[in-house]
Amino acid sequence: MSNWRFTTANKLIAPNGQPWSAKSGPYGKGRLPKGQYTIGSATTISSGNKNRSYRDPSGFAWWCPIAPDFNAKRDGLGIHPDGGVPGTLGCIGLTSVNTRSAYNALRNAIGQKLVVE
């Protein structure tokens, strides 16, 4: 099976080739470090104001943790909609109006690999 990829062209790409526009950084420690990560369990979260950074413009809020397979010296990394102020603290923030298709794909990706280019 192919890996998920996050490209330098700011695309999250599923193993089947489905792309989503995304960004990482520039806040905190900047862009997600290059390397391989393991995808965790995607879950929906409350769409209230507290979680607006994880909510897409359609109102759908979710989070999918990713763990580096190397010593990244960073934690709390994940994939989520890029809500609120544009940009992330190093996560992959999806910039689509509706990110439900990405969430649904990631729900079936537990344990799969993500390669950050």
PDB file of N, CA and C in Angstrom:
ATOM      1  N   MET A   1       0.847  -1.190   0.000  1.00  0.00           N
ATOM      2  CA  MET A   1       0.000   0.000   0.000  1.00  0.00           C
ATOM      3  C   MET A   1       0.887   1.245   0.000  1.00  0.00           C
ATOM      4  N   SER A   2       0.491   2.235  -0.752  1.00  0.00           N
ATOM      5  CA  SER A   2       1.210   3.505  -0.786  1.00  0.00           C
ATOM      6  C   SER A   2       0.988   4.267   0.509  1.00  0.00           C
ATOM      7  N   ASN A   3       1.853   5.223   0.748  1.00  0.00           N
ATOM      8  CA  ASN A   3       1.737   6.081   1.923  1.00  0.00           C
ATOM      9  C   ASN A   3       0.900   7.320   1.616  1.00  0.00           C
ATOM     10  N   TRP A   4       0.386   7.929   2.669  1.00  0.00           N
ATOM     11  CA  TRP A   4      -0.138   9.283   2.594  1.00  0.00           C
ATOM     12  C   TRP A   4       1.065  10.197   2.388  1.00  0.00           C
ATOM     13  N   ARG A   5       0.843  11.365   1.768  1.00  0.00           N
ATOM     14  CA  ARG A   5       1.932  12.321   1.566  1.00  0.00           C
ATOM     15  C   ARG A   5       1.455  13.738   1.853  1.00  0.00           C
ATOM     16  N   PHE A   6       2.355  14.532   2.426  1.00  0.00           N
ATOM     17  CA  PHE A   6       2.147  15.976   2.523  1.00  0.00           C
ATOM     18  C   PHE A   6       3.277  16.595   1.734  1.00  0.00           C
ATOM     19  N   THR A   7       2.932  17.278   0.646  1.00  0.00           N
ATOM     20  CA  THR A   7       3.928  17.728  -0.321  1.00  0.00           C
ATOM     21  C   THR A   7       4.392  19.163  -0.066  1.00  0.00           C
ATOM     22  N   THR A   8       5.496  19.505  -0.694  1.00  0.00           N
ATOM     23  CA  THR A   8       5.995  20.879  -0.624  1.00  0.00           C
ATOM     24  C   THR A   8       5.068  21.832  -1.374  1.00  0.00           C
ATOM     25  N   ALA A   9       4.162  21.286  -2.195  1.00  0.00           N
ATOM     26  CA  ALA A   9       3.157  22.099  -2.894  1.00  0.00           C
ATOM     27  C   ALA A   9       1.900  22.279  -2.037  1.00  0.00           C
ATOM     28  N   ASN A  10       2.008  21.958  -0.742  1.00  0.00           N
ATOM     29  CA  ASN A  10       0.904  22.126   0.214  1.00  0.00           C
ATOM     30  C   ASN A  10      -0.338  21.331  -0.162  1.00  0.00           C
ATOM     31  N   LYS A  11      -0.136  20.051  -0.417  1.00  0.00           N
ATOM     32  CA  LYS A  11      -1.232  19.117  -0.675  1.00  0.00           C
ATOM     33  C   LYS A  11      -1.072  17.915   0.257  1.00  0.00           C
ATOM     34  N   LEU A  12      -2.177  17.515   0.877  1.00  0.00           N
ATOM     35  CA  LEU A  12      -2.241  16.236   1.569  1.00  0.00           C
ATOM     36  C   LEU A  12      -2.815  15.270   0.552  1.00  0.00           C
ATOM     37  N   ILE A  13      -2.102  14.169   0.297  1.00  0.00           N
ATOM     38  CA  ILE A  13      -2.512  13.231  -0.741  1.00  0.00           C
ATOM     39  C   ILE A  13      -2.686  11.844  -0.132  1.00  0.00           C
ATOM     40  N   ALA A  14      -3.881  11.282  -0.318  1.00  0.00           N
ATOM     41  CA  ALA A  14      -4.184   9.936   0.167  1.00  0.00           C
ATOM     42  C   ALA A  14      -3.503   8.901  -0.728  1.00  0.00           C
ATOM     43  N   PRO A  15      -3.360   7.666  -0.240  1.00  0.00           N
ATOM     44  CA  PRO A  15      -2.744   6.618  -1.064  1.00  0.00           C
ATOM     45  C   PRO A  15      -3.446   6.394  -2.406  1.00  0.00           C
ATOM     46  N   ASN A  16      -4.744   6.689  -2.493  1.00  0.00           N
ATOM     47  CA  ASN A  16      -5.475   6.512  -3.759  1.00  0.00           C
ATOM     48  C   ASN A  16      -5.315   7.707  -4.703  1.00  0.00           C
ATOM     49  N   GLY A  17      -4.526   8.714  -4.288  1.00  0.00           N
ATOM     50  CA  GLY A  17      -4.273   9.886  -5.127  1.00  0.00           C
ATOM     51  C   GLY A  17      -5.174  11.074  -4.861  1.00  0.00           C
ATOM     52  N   GLN A  18      -6.179  10.930  -4.002  1.00  0.00           N
ATOM     53  CA  GLN A  18      -7.092  12.039  -3.668  1.00  0.00           C
ATOM     54  C   GLN A  18      -6.307  13.147  -2.959  1.00  0.00           C
ATOM     55  N   PRO A  19      -6.296  14.369  -3.502  1.00  0.00           N
ATOM     56  CA  PRO A  19      -5.574  15.474  -2.857  1.00  0.00           C
ATOM     57  C   PRO A  19      -6.511  16.435  -2.126  1.00  0.00           C
ATOM     58  N   TRP A  20      -5.972  17.072  -1.086  1.00  0.00           N
ATOM     59  CA  TRP A  20      -6.651  18.166  -0.392  1.00  0.00           C
ATOM     60  C   TRP A  20      -5.634  19.283  -0.200  1.00  0.00           C
ATOM     61  N   SER A  21      -6.052  20.527  -0.422  1.00  0.00           N
ATOM     62  CA  SER A  21      -5.179  21.674  -0.168  1.00  0.00           C
ATOM     63  C   SER A  21      -4.951  21.788   1.330  1.00  0.00           C
ATOM     64  N   ALA A  22      -3.725  22.107   1.701  1.00  0.00           N
ATOM     65  CA  ALA A  22      -3.372  22.165   3.119  1.00  0.00           C
ATOM     66  C   ALA A  22      -2.180  23.085   3.317  1.00  0.00           C
ATOM     67  N   LYS A  23      -1.922  23.401   4.584  1.00  0.00           N
ATOM     68  CA  LYS A  23      -0.733  24.182   4.924  1.00  0.00           C
ATOM     69  C   LYS A  23      -0.199  23.691   6.254  1.00  0.00           C
ATOM     70  N   SER A  24       1.037  24.051   6.551  1.00  0.00           N
ATOM     71  CA  SER A  24       1.652  23.725   7.830  1.00  0.00           C
ATOM     72  C   SER A  24       2.508  24.909   8.246  1.00  0.00           C
ATOM     73  N   GLY A  25       2.371  25.342   9.514  1.00  0.00           N
ATOM     74  CA  GLY A  25       3.083  26.512   9.985  1.00  0.00           C
ATOM     75  C   GLY A  25       2.323  27.770   9.596  1.00  0.00           C
ATOM     76  N   PRO A  26       2.884  28.929   9.748  1.00  0.00           N
ATOM     77  CA  PRO A  26       4.263  29.245  10.117  1.00  0.00           C
ATOM     78  C   PRO A  26       4.459  29.471  11.610  1.00  0.00           C
ATOM     79  N   TYR A  27       3.413  29.245  12.407  1.00  0.00           N
ATOM     80  CA  TYR A  27       3.474  29.600  13.825  1.00  0.00           C
ATOM     81  C   TYR A  27       4.183  28.523  14.642  1.00  0.00           C
ATOM     82  N   GLY A  28       4.435  28.829  15.920  1.00  0.00           N
ATOM     83  CA  GLY A  28       5.105  27.886  16.809  1.00  0.00           C
ATOM     84  C   GLY A  28       6.500  27.592  16.297  1.00  0.00           C
ATOM     85  N   LYS A  29       6.791  26.316  16.087  1.00  0.00           N
ATOM     86  CA  LYS A  29       8.101  25.902  15.574  1.00  0.00           C
ATOM     87  C   LYS A  29       8.094  25.758  14.059  1.00  0.00           C
ATOM     88  N   GLY A  30       7.065  26.311  13.412  1.00  0.00           N
ATOM     89  CA  GLY A  30       7.023  26.323  11.951  1.00  0.00           C
ATOM     90  C   GLY A  30       6.452  25.058  11.343  1.00  0.00           C
ATOM     91  N   ARG A  31       6.746  24.884  10.074  1.00  0.00           N
ATOM     92  CA  ARG A  31       6.234  23.765   9.273  1.00  0.00           C
ATOM     93  C   ARG A  31       6.580  22.417   9.905  1.00  0.00           C
ATOM     94  N   LEU A  32       5.721  21.460   9.666  1.00  0.00           N
ATOM     95  CA  LEU A  32       5.931  20.090  10.110  1.00  0.00           C
ATOM     96  C   LEU A  32       7.261  19.578   9.552  1.00  0.00           C
ATOM     97  N   PRO A  33       8.130  19.000  10.397  1.00  0.00           N
ATOM     98  CA  PRO A  33       9.417  18.497   9.902  1.00  0.00           C
ATOM     99  C   PRO A  33       9.252  17.379   8.871  1.00  0.00           C
ATOM    100  N   LYS A  34      10.167  17.349   7.910  1.00  0.00           N
ATOM    101  CA  LYS A  34      10.187  16.275   6.918  1.00  0.00           C
ATOM    102  C   LYS A  34      10.430  14.949   7.620  1.00  0.00           C
ATOM    103  N   GLY A  35       9.827  13.889   7.077  1.00  0.00           N
ATOM    104  CA  GLY A  35      10.023  12.560   7.637  1.00  0.00           C
ATOM    105  C   GLY A  35       8.754  11.736   7.576  1.00  0.00           C
ATOM    106  N   GLN A  36       8.805  10.575   8.229  1.00  0.00           N
ATOM    107  CA  GLN A  36       7.672   9.654   8.228  1.00  0.00           C
ATOM    108  C   GLN A  36       6.951   9.700   9.570  1.00  0.00           C
ATOM    109  N   TYR A  37       5.623   9.664   9.517  1.00  0.00           N
ATOM    110  CA  TYR A  37       4.758   9.727  10.693  1.00  0.00           C
ATOM    111  C   TYR A  37       3.762   8.570  10.635  1.00  0.00           C
ATOM    112  N   THR A  38       3.238   8.188  11.799  1.00  0.00           N
ATOM    113  CA  THR A  38       2.173   7.197  11.875  1.00  0.00           C
ATOM    114  C   THR A  38       0.867   7.917  12.179  1.00  0.00           C
ATOM    115  N   ILE A  39      -0.165   7.595  11.414  1.00  0.00           N
ATOM    116  CA  ILE A  39      -1.472   8.235  11.559  1.00  0.00           C
ATOM    117  C   ILE A  39      -2.255   7.570  12.684  1.00  0.00           C
ATOM    118  N   GLY A  40      -2.835   8.402  13.549  1.00  0.00           N
ATOM    119  CA  GLY A  40      -3.654   7.918  14.655  1.00  0.00           C
ATOM    120  C   GLY A  40      -5.131   7.906  14.291  1.00  0.00           C
ATOM    121  N   SER A  41      -5.968   7.935  15.317  1.00  0.00           N
ATOM    122  CA  SER A  41      -7.414   7.812  15.156  1.00  0.00           C
ATOM    123  C   SER A  41      -8.082   9.179  14.987  1.00  0.00           C
ATOM    124  N   ALA A  42      -8.699   9.409  13.831  1.00  0.00           N
ATOM    125  CA  ALA A  42      -9.408  10.669  13.569  1.00  0.00           C
ATOM    126  C   ALA A  42     -10.713  10.687  14.357  1.00  0.00           C
ATOM    127  N   THR A  43     -10.983  11.811  15.026  1.00  0.00           N
ATOM    128  CA  THR A  43     -12.201  11.943  15.820  1.00  0.00           C
ATOM    129  C   THR A  43     -12.824  13.318  15.604  1.00  0.00           C
ATOM    130  N   THR A  44     -14.140  13.367  15.690  1.00  0.00           N
ATOM    131  CA  THR A  44     -14.819  14.658  15.639  1.00  0.00           C
ATOM    132  C   THR A  44     -14.713  15.313  17.011  1.00  0.00           C
ATOM    133  N   ILE A  45     -14.764  16.633  17.025  1.00  0.00           N
ATOM    134  CA  ILE A  45     -14.714  17.388  18.275  1.00  0.00           C
ATOM    135  C   ILE A  45     -15.803  18.453  18.239  1.00  0.00           C
ATOM    136  N   SER A  46     -16.074  19.039  19.385  1.00  0.00           N
ATOM    137  CA  SER A  46     -17.075  20.098  19.473  1.00  0.00           C
ATOM    138  C   SER A  46     -16.708  21.226  18.515  1.00  0.00           C
ATOM    139  N   SER A  47     -17.695  21.778  17.839  1.00  0.00           N
ATOM    140  CA  SER A  47     -17.427  22.859  16.882  1.00  0.00           C
ATOM    141  C   SER A  47     -17.569  24.237  17.514  1.00  0.00           C
ATOM    142  N   GLY A  48     -17.590  24.311  18.841  1.00  0.00           N
ATOM    143  CA  GLY A  48     -17.702  25.591  19.534  1.00  0.00           C
ATOM    144  C   GLY A  48     -16.497  26.489  19.307  1.00  0.00           C
ATOM    145  N   ASN A  49     -16.582  27.735  19.775  1.00  0.00           N
ATOM    146  CA  ASN A  49     -15.511  28.718  19.566  1.00  0.00           C
ATOM    147  C   ASN A  49     -14.165  28.253  20.096  1.00  0.00           C
ATOM    148  N   LYS A  50     -14.162  27.482  21.175  1.00  0.00           N
ATOM    149  CA  LYS A  50     -12.907  26.979  21.746  1.00  0.00           C
ATOM    150  C   LYS A  50     -12.115  26.173  20.712  1.00  0.00           C
ATOM    151  N   ASN A  51     -12.809  25.497  19.812  1.00  0.00           N
ATOM    152  CA  ASN A  51     -12.162  24.643  18.813  1.00  0.00           C
ATOM    153  C   ASN A  51     -12.204  25.225  17.404  1.00  0.00           C
ATOM    154  N   ARG A  52     -12.338  26.535  17.268  1.00  0.00           N
ATOM    155  CA  ARG A  52     -12.474  27.116  15.924  1.00  0.00           C
ATOM    156  C   ARG A  52     -11.248  26.861  15.049  1.00  0.00           C
ATOM    157  N   SER A  53     -10.071  26.650  15.657  1.00  0.00           N
ATOM    158  CA  SER A  53      -8.873  26.342  14.869  1.00  0.00           C
ATOM    159  C   SER A  53      -8.953  24.973  14.214  1.00  0.00           C
ATOM    160  N   TYR A  54      -9.887  24.137  14.666  1.00  0.00           N
ATOM    161  CA  TYR A  54     -10.041  22.776  14.153  1.00  0.00           C
ATOM    162  C   TYR A  54     -11.341  22.613  13.365  1.00  0.00           C
ATOM    163  N   ARG A  55     -11.954  23.715  12.979  1.00  0.00           N
ATOM    164  CA  ARG A  55     -13.265  23.705  12.330  1.00  0.00           C
ATOM    165  C   ARG A  55     -13.144  24.270  10.914  1.00  0.00           C
ATOM    166  N   ASP A  56     -13.715  23.565   9.942  1.00  0.00           N
ATOM    167  CA  ASP A  56     -13.698  24.090   8.571  1.00  0.00           C
ATOM    168  C   ASP A  56     -14.851  25.087   8.391  1.00  0.00           C
ATOM    169  N   PRO A  57     -14.876  25.840   7.287  1.00  0.00           N
ATOM    170  CA  PRO A  57     -15.931  26.837   7.082  1.00  0.00           C
ATOM    171  C   PRO A  57     -17.351  26.270   7.060  1.00  0.00           C
ATOM    172  N   SER A  58     -17.497  24.963   6.810  1.00  0.00           N
ATOM    173  CA  SER A  58     -18.831  24.352   6.836  1.00  0.00           C
ATOM    174  C   SER A  58     -19.287  24.055   8.266  1.00  0.00           C
ATOM    175  N   GLY A  59     -18.381  24.246   9.253  1.00  0.00           N
ATOM    176  CA  GLY A  59     -18.720  24.012  10.656  1.00  0.00           C
ATOM    177  C   GLY A  59     -18.303  22.654  11.191  1.00  0.00           C
ATOM    178  N   PHE A  60     -17.639  21.841  10.389  1.00  0.00           N
ATOM    179  CA  PHE A  60     -17.228  20.493  10.793  1.00  0.00           C
ATOM    180  C   PHE A  60     -15.859  20.559  11.474  1.00  0.00           C
ATOM    181  N   ALA A  61     -15.785  20.081  12.725  1.00  0.00           N
ATOM    182  CA  ALA A  61     -14.541  20.137  13.507  1.00  0.00           C
ATOM    183  C   ALA A  61     -14.048  18.723  13.809  1.00  0.00           C
ATOM    184  N   TRP A  62     -12.746  18.506  13.604  1.00  0.00           N
ATOM    185  CA  TRP A  62     -12.164  17.190  13.863  1.00  0.00           C
ATOM    186  C   TRP A  62     -10.656  17.301  14.049  1.00  0.00           C
ATOM    187  N   TRP A  63     -10.065  16.194  14.512  1.00  0.00           N
ATOM    188  CA  TRP A  63      -8.636  16.123  14.809  1.00  0.00           C
ATOM    189  C   TRP A  63      -8.150  14.716  14.519  1.00  0.00           C
ATOM    190  N   CYS A  64      -6.975  14.593  13.916  1.00  0.00           N
ATOM    191  CA  CYS A  64      -6.345  13.297  13.675  1.00  0.00           C
ATOM    192  C   CYS A  64      -4.883  13.398  14.094  1.00  0.00           C
ATOM    193  N   PRO A  65      -4.495  12.750  15.196  1.00  0.00           N
ATOM    194  CA  PRO A  65      -3.105  12.836  15.632  1.00  0.00           C
ATOM    195  C   PRO A  65      -2.164  12.096  14.684  1.00  0.00           C
ATOM    196  N   ILE A  66      -0.950  12.606  14.585  1.00  0.00           N
ATOM    197  CA  ILE A  66       0.119  11.917  13.867  1.00  0.00           C
ATOM    198  C   ILE A  66       1.338  11.898  14.780  1.00  0.00           C
ATOM    199  N   ALA A  67       2.065  10.784  14.753  1.00  0.00           N
ATOM    200  CA  ALA A  67       3.246  10.629  15.603  1.00  0.00           C
ATOM    201  C   ALA A  67       4.473  10.436  14.723  1.00  0.00           C
ATOM    202  N   PRO A  68       5.531  11.226  14.949  1.00  0.00           N
ATOM    203  CA  PRO A  68       6.739  11.061  14.140  1.00  0.00           C
ATOM    204  C   PRO A  68       7.386   9.705  14.408  1.00  0.00           C
ATOM    205  N   ASP A  69       7.900   9.077  13.361  1.00  0.00           N
ATOM    206  CA  ASP A  69       8.638   7.819  13.485  1.00  0.00           C
ATOM    207  C   ASP A  69      10.129   8.104  13.636  1.00  0.00           C
ATOM    208  N   PHE A  70      10.457   9.290  14.098  1.00  0.00           N
ATOM    209  CA  PHE A  70      11.836   9.740  14.300  1.00  0.00           C
ATOM    210  C   PHE A  70      11.807  10.742  15.444  1.00  0.00           C
ATOM    211  N   ASN A  71      12.952  11.167  15.906  1.00  0.00           N
ATOM    212  CA  ASN A  71      13.020  12.121  17.015  1.00  0.00           C
ATOM    213  C   ASN A  71      12.809  13.538  16.489  1.00  0.00           C
ATOM    214  N   ALA A  72      11.559  13.955  16.448  1.00  0.00           N
ATOM    215  CA  ALA A  72      11.216  15.275  15.911  1.00  0.00           C
ATOM    216  C   ALA A  72      11.332  16.375  16.957  1.00  0.00           C
ATOM    217  N   LYS A  73      11.463  15.997  18.224  1.00  0.00           N
ATOM    218  CA  LYS A  73      11.516  16.959  19.332  1.00  0.00           C
ATOM    219  C   LYS A  73      10.278  17.848  19.342  1.00  0.00           C
ATOM    220  N   ARG A  74       9.153  17.288  18.867  1.00  0.00           N
ATOM    221  CA  ARG A  74       7.868  17.984  18.860  1.00  0.00           C
ATOM    222  C   ARG A  74       6.782  16.968  19.161  1.00  0.00           C
ATOM    223  N   ASP A  75       5.727  17.445  19.799  1.00  0.00           N
ATOM    224  CA  ASP A  75       4.592  16.567  20.053  1.00  0.00           C
ATOM    225  C   ASP A  75       3.304  17.342  19.811  1.00  0.00           C
ATOM    226  N   GLY A  76       2.179  16.680  19.983  1.00  0.00           N
ATOM    227  CA  GLY A  76       0.895  17.336  19.763  1.00  0.00           C
ATOM    228  C   GLY A  76       0.619  17.645  18.306  1.00  0.00           C
ATOM    229  N   LEU A  77       1.201  16.866  17.405  1.00  0.00           N
ATOM    230  CA  LEU A  77       1.045  17.118  15.973  1.00  0.00           C
ATOM    231  C   LEU A  77      -0.157  16.359  15.422  1.00  0.00           C
ATOM    232  N   GLY A  78      -0.779  16.918  14.403  1.00  0.00           N
ATOM    233  CA  GLY A  78      -1.933  16.255  13.825  1.00  0.00           C
ATOM    234  C   GLY A  78      -2.359  16.866  12.507  1.00  0.00           C
ATOM    235  N   ILE A  79      -3.463  16.344  12.017  1.00  0.00           N
ATOM    236  CA  ILE A  79      -4.111  16.835  10.804  1.00  0.00           C
ATOM    237  C   ILE A  79      -5.494  17.312  11.219  1.00  0.00           C
ATOM    238  N   HIS A  80      -5.890  18.486  10.750  1.00  0.00           N
ATOM    239  CA  HIS A  80      -7.190  19.054  11.110  1.00  0.00           C
ATOM    240  C   HIS A  80      -7.544  20.163  10.128  1.00  0.00           C
ATOM    241  N   PRO A  81      -8.812  20.599  10.111  1.00  0.00           N
ATOM    242  CA  PRO A  81      -9.153  21.761   9.286  1.00  0.00           C
ATOM    243  C   PRO A  81      -8.370  22.987   9.762  1.00  0.00           C
ATOM    244  N   ASP A  82      -8.016  23.868   8.858  1.00  0.00           N
ATOM    245  CA  ASP A  82      -7.301  25.096   9.215  1.00  0.00           C
ATOM    246  C   ASP A  82      -8.320  26.203   9.456  1.00  0.00           C
ATOM    247  N   GLY A  83      -8.952  26.158  10.621  1.00  0.00           N
ATOM    248  CA  GLY A  83      -9.942  27.170  10.982  1.00  0.00           C
ATOM    249  C   GLY A  83      -9.295  28.327  11.716  1.00  0.00           C
ATOM    250  N   GLY A  84     -10.076  29.332  12.043  1.00  0.00           N
ATOM    251  CA  GLY A  84      -9.544  30.488  12.770  1.00  0.00           C
ATOM    252  C   GLY A  84      -8.552  31.256  11.915  1.00  0.00           C
ATOM    253  N   VAL A  85      -7.471  31.708  12.542  1.00  0.00           N
ATOM    254  CA  VAL A  85      -6.408  32.437  11.844  1.00  0.00           C
ATOM    255  C   VAL A  85      -5.710  31.471  10.889  1.00  0.00           C
ATOM    256  N   PRO A  86      -5.511  31.848   9.615  1.00  0.00           N
ATOM    257  CA  PRO A  86      -4.851  30.950   8.671  1.00  0.00           C
ATOM    258  C   PRO A  86      -3.453  30.547   9.136  1.00  0.00           C
ATOM    259  N   GLY A  87      -3.151  29.255   9.002  1.00  0.00           N
ATOM    260  CA  GLY A  87      -1.863  28.721   9.411  1.00  0.00           C
ATOM    261  C   GLY A  87      -2.004  27.857  10.651  1.00  0.00           C
ATOM    262  N   THR A  88      -0.931  27.104  10.952  1.00  0.00           N
ATOM    263  CA  THR A  88      -0.942  26.187  12.088  1.00  0.00           C
ATOM    264  C   THR A  88       0.323  26.354  12.920  1.00  0.00           C
ATOM    265  N   LEU A  89       0.343  25.647  14.046  1.00  0.00           N
ATOM    266  CA  LEU A  89       1.522  25.606  14.915  1.00  0.00           C
ATOM    267  C   LEU A  89       2.432  24.440  14.537  1.00  0.00           C
ATOM    268  N   GLY A  90       2.320  23.952  13.319  1.00  0.00           N
ATOM    269  CA  GLY A  90       3.138  22.837  12.861  1.00  0.00           C
ATOM    270  C   GLY A  90       2.328  21.637  12.430  1.00  0.00           C
ATOM    271  N   CYS A  91       1.028  21.670  12.666  1.00  0.00           N
ATOM    272  CA  CYS A  91       0.150  20.598  12.187  1.00  0.00           C
ATOM    273  C   CYS A  91      -0.075  20.765  10.688  1.00  0.00           C
ATOM    274  N   ILE A  92      -0.805  19.816  10.111  1.00  0.00           N
ATOM    275  CA  ILE A  92      -1.276  19.950   8.739  1.00  0.00           C
ATOM    276  C   ILE A  92      -2.699  20.471   8.821  1.00  0.00           C
ATOM    277  N   GLY A  93      -2.923  21.677   8.325  1.00  0.00           N
ATOM    278  CA  GLY A  93      -4.241  22.302   8.347  1.00  0.00           C
ATOM    279  C   GLY A  93      -4.871  22.274   6.970  1.00  0.00           C
ATOM    280  N   LEU A  94      -5.995  21.582   6.834  1.00  0.00           N
ATOM    281  CA  LEU A  94      -6.680  21.497   5.540  1.00  0.00           C
ATOM    282  C   LEU A  94      -7.459  22.778   5.286  1.00  0.00           C
ATOM    283  N   THR A  95      -7.323  23.322   4.089  1.00  0.00           N
ATOM    284  CA  THR A  95      -7.889  24.633   3.776  1.00  0.00           C
ATOM    285  C   THR A  95      -9.178  24.573   2.961  1.00  0.00           C
ATOM    286  N   SER A  96      -9.706  23.390   2.719  1.00  0.00           N
ATOM    287  CA  SER A  96     -10.953  23.249   1.958  1.00  0.00           C
ATOM    288  C   SER A  96     -12.139  23.776   2.753  1.00  0.00           C
ATOM    289  N   VAL A  97     -13.196  24.197   2.049  1.00  0.00           N
ATOM    290  CA  VAL A  97     -14.416  24.663   2.701  1.00  0.00           C
ATOM    291  C   VAL A  97     -15.067  23.521   3.476  1.00  0.00           C
ATOM    292  N   ASN A  98     -15.057  22.324   2.903  1.00  0.00           N
ATOM    293  CA  ASN A  98     -15.623  21.148   3.558  1.00  0.00           C
ATOM    294  C   ASN A  98     -14.562  20.051   3.571  1.00  0.00           C
ATOM    295  N   THR A  99     -14.150  19.645   4.768  1.00  0.00           N
ATOM    296  CA  THR A  99     -13.064  18.670   4.913  1.00  0.00           C
ATOM    297  C   THR A  99     -13.569  17.279   5.283  1.00  0.00           C
ATOM    298  N   ARG A 100     -14.868  17.058   5.203  1.00  0.00           N
ATOM    299  CA  ARG A 100     -15.440  15.770   5.631  1.00  0.00           C
ATOM    300  C   ARG A 100     -14.851  14.590   4.855  1.00  0.00           C
ATOM    301  N   SER A 101     -14.567  14.753   3.564  1.00  0.00           N
ATOM    302  CA  SER A 101     -14.009  13.636   2.790  1.00  0.00           C
ATOM    303  C   SER A 101     -12.622  13.257   3.300  1.00  0.00           C
ATOM    304  N   ALA A 102     -11.825  14.238   3.692  1.00  0.00           N
ATOM    305  CA  ALA A 102     -10.507  13.943   4.260  1.00  0.00           C
ATOM    306  C   ALA A 102     -10.659  13.229   5.600  1.00  0.00           C
ATOM    307  N   TYR A 103     -11.562  13.727   6.441  1.00  0.00           N
ATOM    308  CA  TYR A 103     -11.821  13.079   7.731  1.00  0.00           C
ATOM    309  C   TYR A 103     -12.237  11.622   7.527  1.00  0.00           C
ATOM    310  N   ASN A 104     -13.164  11.378   6.605  1.00  0.00           N
ATOM    311  CA  ASN A 104     -13.625  10.012   6.359  1.00  0.00           C
ATOM    312  C   ASN A 104     -12.488   9.114   5.883  1.00  0.00           C
ATOM    313  N   ALA A 105     -11.616   9.626   5.032  1.00  0.00           N
ATOM    314  CA  ALA A 105     -10.470   8.841   4.565  1.00  0.00           C
ATOM    315  C   ALA A 105      -9.506   8.557   5.714  1.00  0.00           C
ATOM    316  N   LEU A 106      -9.262   9.550   6.563  1.00  0.00           N
ATOM    317  CA  LEU A 106      -8.333   9.368   7.684  1.00  0.00           C
ATOM    318  C   LEU A 106      -8.895   8.432   8.749  1.00  0.00           C
ATOM    319  N   ARG A 107     -10.204   8.362   8.888  1.00  0.00           N
ATOM    320  CA  ARG A 107     -10.805   7.419   9.849  1.00  0.00           C
ATOM    321  C   ARG A 107     -10.412   5.986   9.527  1.00  0.00           C
ATOM    322  N   ASN A 108     -10.148   5.713   8.264  1.00  0.00           N
ATOM    323  CA  ASN A 108      -9.757   4.367   7.827  1.00  0.00           C
ATOM    324  C   ASN A 108      -8.248   4.220   7.674  1.00  0.00           C
ATOM    325  N   ALA A 109      -7.489   5.173   8.195  1.00  0.00           N
ATOM    326  CA  ALA A 109      -6.036   5.182   7.979  1.00  0.00           C
ATOM    327  C   ALA A 109      -5.224   4.932   9.250  1.00  0.00           C
ATOM    328  N   ILE A 110      -5.860   4.499  10.319  1.00  0.00           N
ATOM    329  CA  ILE A 110      -5.137   4.283  11.581  1.00  0.00           C
ATOM    330  C   ILE A 110      -3.967   3.328  11.341  1.00  0.00           C
ATOM    331  N   GLY A 111      -2.770   3.760  11.758  1.00  0.00           N
ATOM    332  CA  GLY A 111      -1.569   2.948  11.614  1.00  0.00           C
ATOM    333  C   GLY A 111      -0.870   3.097  10.280  1.00  0.00           C
ATOM    334  N   GLN A 112      -1.508   3.750   9.316  1.00  0.00           N
ATOM    335  CA  GLN A 112      -0.852   3.970   8.032  1.00  0.00           C
ATOM    336  C   GLN A 112       0.218   5.051   8.170  1.00  0.00           C
ATOM    337  N   LYS A 113       1.078   5.131   7.183  1.00  0.00           N
ATOM    338  CA  LYS A 113       2.196   6.070   7.214  1.00  0.00           C
ATOM    339  C   LYS A 113       1.894   7.326   6.405  1.00  0.00           C
ATOM    340  N   LEU A 114       2.415   8.432   6.913  1.00  0.00           N
ATOM    341  CA  LEU A 114       2.361   9.733   6.249  1.00  0.00           C
ATOM    342  C   LEU A 114       3.798  10.174   6.034  1.00  0.00           C
ATOM    343  N   VAL A 115       4.147  10.501   4.804  1.00  0.00           N
ATOM    344  CA  VAL A 115       5.482  11.005   4.495  1.00  0.00           C
ATOM    345  C   VAL A 115       5.374  12.498   4.225  1.00  0.00           C
ATOM    346  N   VAL A 116       6.108  13.282   5.006  1.00  0.00           N
ATOM    347  CA  VAL A 116       6.158  14.730   4.826  1.00  0.00           C
ATOM    348  C   VAL A 116       7.398  15.035   4.002  1.00  0.00           C
ATOM    349  N   GLU A 117       7.179  15.647   2.843  1.00  0.00           N
ATOM    350  CA  GLU A 117       8.284  15.945   1.916  1.00  0.00           C
ATOM    351  C   GLU A 117       8.915  17.283   2.232  1.00  0.00           C
TER     352      GLU A 117
END
